[in-house]
Amino acid sequence: MAEEHGQANARQEQPGGANAAPKKMTWPELVGSTAEGAERKIKEEIGDAIRVQVIPPNTFVTMDFNQQRVRLYVDSSGNVARTPRIG
């Protein structure tokens, strides 16, 4: 019984467990903001471990998924044109 109790405590202490808040994956509220402001907001919420790429109009990108990347698709004025998302 003590062994079971110890395992239950170990599960609860792990970061990212069932009680952890879900990590934000998209930022629809940033559409229309400047690329600099959007990057600052994303890094403020997620941290510096995430890499933010600013993608100008008509630029080709790879289709791979990367959990450490957020792409900011901007218009010709440098404002965010699409919802930024992790990947």
N, C-alpha and C. Protein backbone atom coordinates (compact mmCIF):
# COMPACT_ATOMS: atom_id res chain seq x y z
N MET A 1 0.81 -1.18 0.00
CA MET A 1 0.00 0.00 0.00
C MET A 1 0.87 1.26 0.00
N ALA A 2 1.94 1.27 0.80
CA ALA A 2 2.83 2.43 0.83
C ALA A 2 3.46 2.65 -0.54
N GLU A 3 3.74 1.57 -1.25
CA GLU A 3 4.33 1.68 -2.58
C GLU A 3 3.36 2.38 -3.54
N GLU A 4 2.08 2.01 -3.47
CA GLU A 4 1.08 2.64 -4.32
C GLU A 4 0.98 4.12 -4.02
N HIS A 5 1.01 4.48 -2.73
CA HIS A 5 0.93 5.88 -2.33
C HIS A 5 2.13 6.66 -2.89
N GLY A 6 3.31 6.08 -2.83
CA GLY A 6 4.51 6.72 -3.35
C GLY A 6 4.42 6.95 -4.85
N GLN A 7 3.88 6.01 -5.59
CA GLN A 7 3.73 6.16 -7.04
C GLN A 7 2.72 7.26 -7.36
N ALA A 8 1.65 7.34 -6.59
CA ALA A 8 0.64 8.38 -6.83
C ALA A 8 1.25 9.76 -6.63
N ASN A 9 2.06 9.91 -5.57
CA ASN A 9 2.71 11.20 -5.33
C ASN A 9 3.68 11.55 -6.45
N ALA A 10 4.40 10.57 -6.95
CA ALA A 10 5.35 10.82 -8.03
C ALA A 10 4.62 11.32 -9.27
N ARG A 11 3.46 10.78 -9.57
CA ARG A 11 2.70 11.23 -10.74
C ARG A 11 2.20 12.65 -10.55
N GLN A 12 1.79 13.01 -9.36
CA GLN A 12 1.25 14.34 -9.12
C GLN A 12 2.34 15.41 -9.19
N GLU A 13 3.57 15.06 -8.87
CA GLU A 13 4.65 16.04 -8.82
C GLU A 13 5.25 16.32 -10.17
N GLN A 14 4.97 15.51 -11.18
CA GLN A 14 5.56 15.70 -12.49
C GLN A 14 4.94 16.92 -13.16
N PRO A 15 5.78 17.78 -13.76
CA PRO A 15 5.23 18.93 -14.47
C PRO A 15 4.46 18.48 -15.70
N GLY A 16 3.43 19.22 -16.05
CA GLY A 16 2.66 18.89 -17.24
C GLY A 16 1.68 17.76 -17.02
N GLY A 17 1.37 17.44 -15.78
CA GLY A 17 0.44 16.36 -15.48
C GLY A 17 -0.99 16.76 -15.79
N ALA A 18 -1.93 15.94 -15.36
CA ALA A 18 -3.34 16.16 -15.66
C ALA A 18 -3.86 17.46 -15.06
N ASN A 19 -3.24 17.95 -13.99
CA ASN A 19 -3.71 19.17 -13.35
C ASN A 19 -3.07 20.43 -13.93
N ALA A 20 -2.11 20.28 -14.85
CA ALA A 20 -1.43 21.44 -15.43
C ALA A 20 -2.34 22.14 -16.43
N ALA A 21 -2.17 23.45 -16.52
CA ALA A 21 -2.95 24.22 -17.49
C ALA A 21 -2.47 23.88 -18.90
N PRO A 22 -3.38 23.79 -19.87
CA PRO A 22 -2.95 23.46 -21.23
C PRO A 22 -2.11 24.60 -21.81
N LYS A 23 -1.12 24.22 -22.58
CA LYS A 23 -0.24 25.18 -23.21
C LYS A 23 -0.96 25.84 -24.38
N LYS A 24 -0.82 27.14 -24.52
CA LYS A 24 -1.46 27.87 -25.59
C LYS A 24 -0.81 27.49 -26.92
N MET A 25 -1.61 27.26 -27.95
CA MET A 25 -1.11 26.83 -29.25
C MET A 25 -1.34 27.87 -30.35
N THR A 26 -2.32 28.76 -30.19
CA THR A 26 -2.63 29.76 -31.20
C THR A 26 -2.87 31.12 -30.54
N TRP A 27 -2.71 32.17 -31.34
CA TRP A 27 -2.90 33.54 -30.86
C TRP A 27 -3.74 34.33 -31.86
N PRO A 28 -5.04 34.05 -31.97
CA PRO A 28 -5.88 34.78 -32.93
C PRO A 28 -5.98 36.28 -32.61
N GLU A 29 -5.79 36.64 -31.36
CA GLU A 29 -5.89 38.05 -30.97
C GLU A 29 -4.76 38.90 -31.53
N LEU A 30 -3.71 38.28 -32.08
CA LEU A 30 -2.57 39.03 -32.61
C LEU A 30 -2.71 39.39 -34.08
N VAL A 31 -3.73 38.90 -34.76
CA VAL A 31 -3.94 39.25 -36.16
C VAL A 31 -4.18 40.76 -36.24
N GLY A 32 -3.42 41.42 -37.11
CA GLY A 32 -3.51 42.87 -37.27
C GLY A 32 -2.46 43.64 -36.49
N SER A 33 -1.81 43.00 -35.52
CA SER A 33 -0.77 43.68 -34.75
C SER A 33 0.55 43.64 -35.51
N THR A 34 1.52 44.42 -35.06
CA THR A 34 2.82 44.42 -35.71
C THR A 34 3.55 43.11 -35.41
N ALA A 35 4.47 42.74 -36.28
CA ALA A 35 5.24 41.51 -36.08
C ALA A 35 6.06 41.60 -34.79
N GLU A 36 6.62 42.77 -34.52
CA GLU A 36 7.44 42.94 -33.31
C GLU A 36 6.60 42.77 -32.05
N GLY A 37 5.41 43.39 -32.05
CA GLY A 37 4.52 43.27 -30.90
C GLY A 37 4.04 41.84 -30.70
N ALA A 38 3.72 41.15 -31.81
CA ALA A 38 3.25 39.77 -31.73
C ALA A 38 4.36 38.86 -31.20
N GLU A 39 5.57 39.05 -31.68
CA GLU A 39 6.69 38.23 -31.20
C GLU A 39 6.92 38.44 -29.71
N ARG A 40 6.87 39.68 -29.27
CA ARG A 40 7.06 40.00 -27.86
C ARG A 40 5.98 39.32 -27.01
N LYS A 41 4.73 39.38 -27.44
CA LYS A 41 3.61 38.78 -26.70
C LYS A 41 3.76 37.25 -26.63
N ILE A 42 4.11 36.61 -27.72
CA ILE A 42 4.27 35.16 -27.75
C ILE A 42 5.40 34.73 -26.82
N LYS A 43 6.53 35.41 -26.90
CA LYS A 43 7.67 35.06 -26.03
C LYS A 43 7.36 35.33 -24.57
N GLU A 44 6.54 36.33 -24.31
CA GLU A 44 6.12 36.63 -22.94
C GLU A 44 5.28 35.49 -22.37
N GLU A 45 4.43 34.91 -23.21
CA GLU A 45 3.54 33.84 -22.76
C GLU A 45 4.21 32.46 -22.76
N ILE A 46 5.04 32.19 -23.74
CA ILE A 46 5.64 30.86 -23.89
C ILE A 46 7.06 30.80 -23.36
N GLY A 47 7.82 31.86 -23.53
CA GLY A 47 9.22 31.87 -23.11
C GLY A 47 10.16 31.97 -24.28
N ASP A 48 11.42 32.12 -23.99
CA ASP A 48 12.42 32.31 -25.04
C ASP A 48 12.81 31.01 -25.74
N ALA A 49 12.32 29.88 -25.26
CA ALA A 49 12.65 28.60 -25.90
C ALA A 49 11.99 28.47 -27.26
N ILE A 50 10.95 29.25 -27.50
CA ILE A 50 10.23 29.17 -28.77
C ILE A 50 10.93 30.09 -29.78
N ARG A 51 10.98 29.64 -31.03
CA ARG A 51 11.60 30.43 -32.09
C ARG A 51 10.47 31.03 -32.93
N VAL A 52 10.48 32.34 -33.09
CA VAL A 52 9.46 33.03 -33.86
C VAL A 52 10.05 33.43 -35.20
N GLN A 53 9.39 33.02 -36.30
CA GLN A 53 9.84 33.36 -37.64
C GLN A 53 8.83 34.30 -38.27
N VAL A 54 9.31 35.41 -38.82
CA VAL A 54 8.45 36.35 -39.53
C VAL A 54 8.50 35.96 -41.00
N ILE A 55 7.32 35.68 -41.58
CA ILE A 55 7.23 35.22 -42.96
C ILE A 55 6.58 36.31 -43.81
N PRO A 56 7.35 36.94 -44.71
CA PRO A 56 6.79 37.97 -45.58
C PRO A 56 5.80 37.38 -46.59
N PRO A 57 4.99 38.24 -47.25
CA PRO A 57 4.04 37.75 -48.25
C PRO A 57 4.75 36.99 -49.37
N ASN A 58 4.07 36.00 -49.92
CA ASN A 58 4.55 35.21 -51.07
C ASN A 58 5.88 34.50 -50.82
N THR A 59 6.11 34.08 -49.59
CA THR A 59 7.33 33.36 -49.24
C THR A 59 6.99 31.89 -49.04
N PHE A 60 7.81 31.02 -49.62
CA PHE A 60 7.62 29.59 -49.45
C PHE A 60 8.20 29.15 -48.11
N VAL A 61 7.53 28.21 -47.45
CA VAL A 61 8.02 27.64 -46.19
C VAL A 61 7.90 26.12 -46.26
N THR A 62 8.66 25.44 -45.42
CA THR A 62 8.57 23.99 -45.35
C THR A 62 7.27 23.60 -44.65
N MET A 63 6.82 22.38 -44.87
CA MET A 63 5.56 21.91 -44.30
C MET A 63 5.76 21.09 -43.03
N ASP A 64 6.99 21.03 -42.51
CA ASP A 64 7.25 20.25 -41.31
C ASP A 64 6.62 20.90 -40.08
N PHE A 65 6.35 20.09 -39.07
CA PHE A 65 5.80 20.57 -37.81
C PHE A 65 6.91 20.65 -36.80
N ASN A 66 7.06 21.79 -36.15
CA ASN A 66 8.11 21.99 -35.16
C ASN A 66 7.49 22.65 -33.93
N GLN A 67 7.49 21.94 -32.80
CA GLN A 67 6.86 22.44 -31.58
C GLN A 67 7.61 23.62 -30.97
N GLN A 68 8.79 23.89 -31.45
CA GLN A 68 9.58 25.00 -30.92
C GLN A 68 9.53 26.23 -31.84
N ARG A 69 8.53 26.26 -32.74
CA ARG A 69 8.47 27.35 -33.72
C ARG A 69 7.07 27.93 -33.82
N VAL A 70 7.01 29.25 -33.98
CA VAL A 70 5.77 29.95 -34.32
C VAL A 70 6.10 30.82 -35.53
N ARG A 71 5.30 30.69 -36.57
CA ARG A 71 5.49 31.51 -37.76
C ARG A 71 4.48 32.66 -37.74
N LEU A 72 4.99 33.86 -38.01
CA LEU A 72 4.15 35.03 -38.12
C LEU A 72 4.06 35.41 -39.59
N TYR A 73 2.94 35.12 -40.22
CA TYR A 73 2.72 35.49 -41.61
C TYR A 73 2.26 36.95 -41.62
N VAL A 74 3.05 37.81 -42.26
CA VAL A 74 2.74 39.24 -42.25
C VAL A 74 2.34 39.72 -43.64
N ASP A 75 1.61 40.84 -43.66
CA ASP A 75 1.23 41.45 -44.93
C ASP A 75 2.32 42.43 -45.36
N SER A 76 2.08 43.16 -46.44
CA SER A 76 3.10 44.07 -46.98
C SER A 76 3.40 45.23 -46.02
N SER A 77 2.53 45.48 -45.06
CA SER A 77 2.75 46.53 -44.06
C SER A 77 3.51 46.03 -42.84
N GLY A 78 3.76 44.73 -42.76
CA GLY A 78 4.46 44.16 -41.62
C GLY A 78 3.54 43.79 -40.47
N ASN A 79 2.23 43.76 -40.72
CA ASN A 79 1.26 43.37 -39.70
C ASN A 79 0.89 41.90 -39.85
N VAL A 80 0.59 41.24 -38.76
CA VAL A 80 0.25 39.82 -38.77
C VAL A 80 -1.04 39.62 -39.57
N ALA A 81 -0.99 38.74 -40.57
CA ALA A 81 -2.11 38.54 -41.48
C ALA A 81 -2.89 37.25 -41.18
N ARG A 82 -2.25 36.27 -40.54
CA ARG A 82 -2.88 34.99 -40.22
C ARG A 82 -2.66 34.68 -38.75
N THR A 83 -3.53 33.85 -38.19
CA THR A 83 -3.40 33.47 -36.79
C THR A 83 -2.08 32.74 -36.55
N PRO A 84 -1.21 33.30 -35.70
CA PRO A 84 0.04 32.60 -35.36
C PRO A 84 -0.28 31.32 -34.59
N ARG A 85 0.47 30.26 -34.88
CA ARG A 85 0.28 28.99 -34.20
C ARG A 85 1.61 28.26 -34.08
N ILE A 86 1.70 27.43 -33.06
CA ILE A 86 2.89 26.60 -32.88
C ILE A 86 2.94 25.57 -33.99
N GLY A 87 4.10 25.36 -34.51
CA GLY A 87 4.27 24.34 -35.54
C GLY A 87 5.14 24.82 -36.62
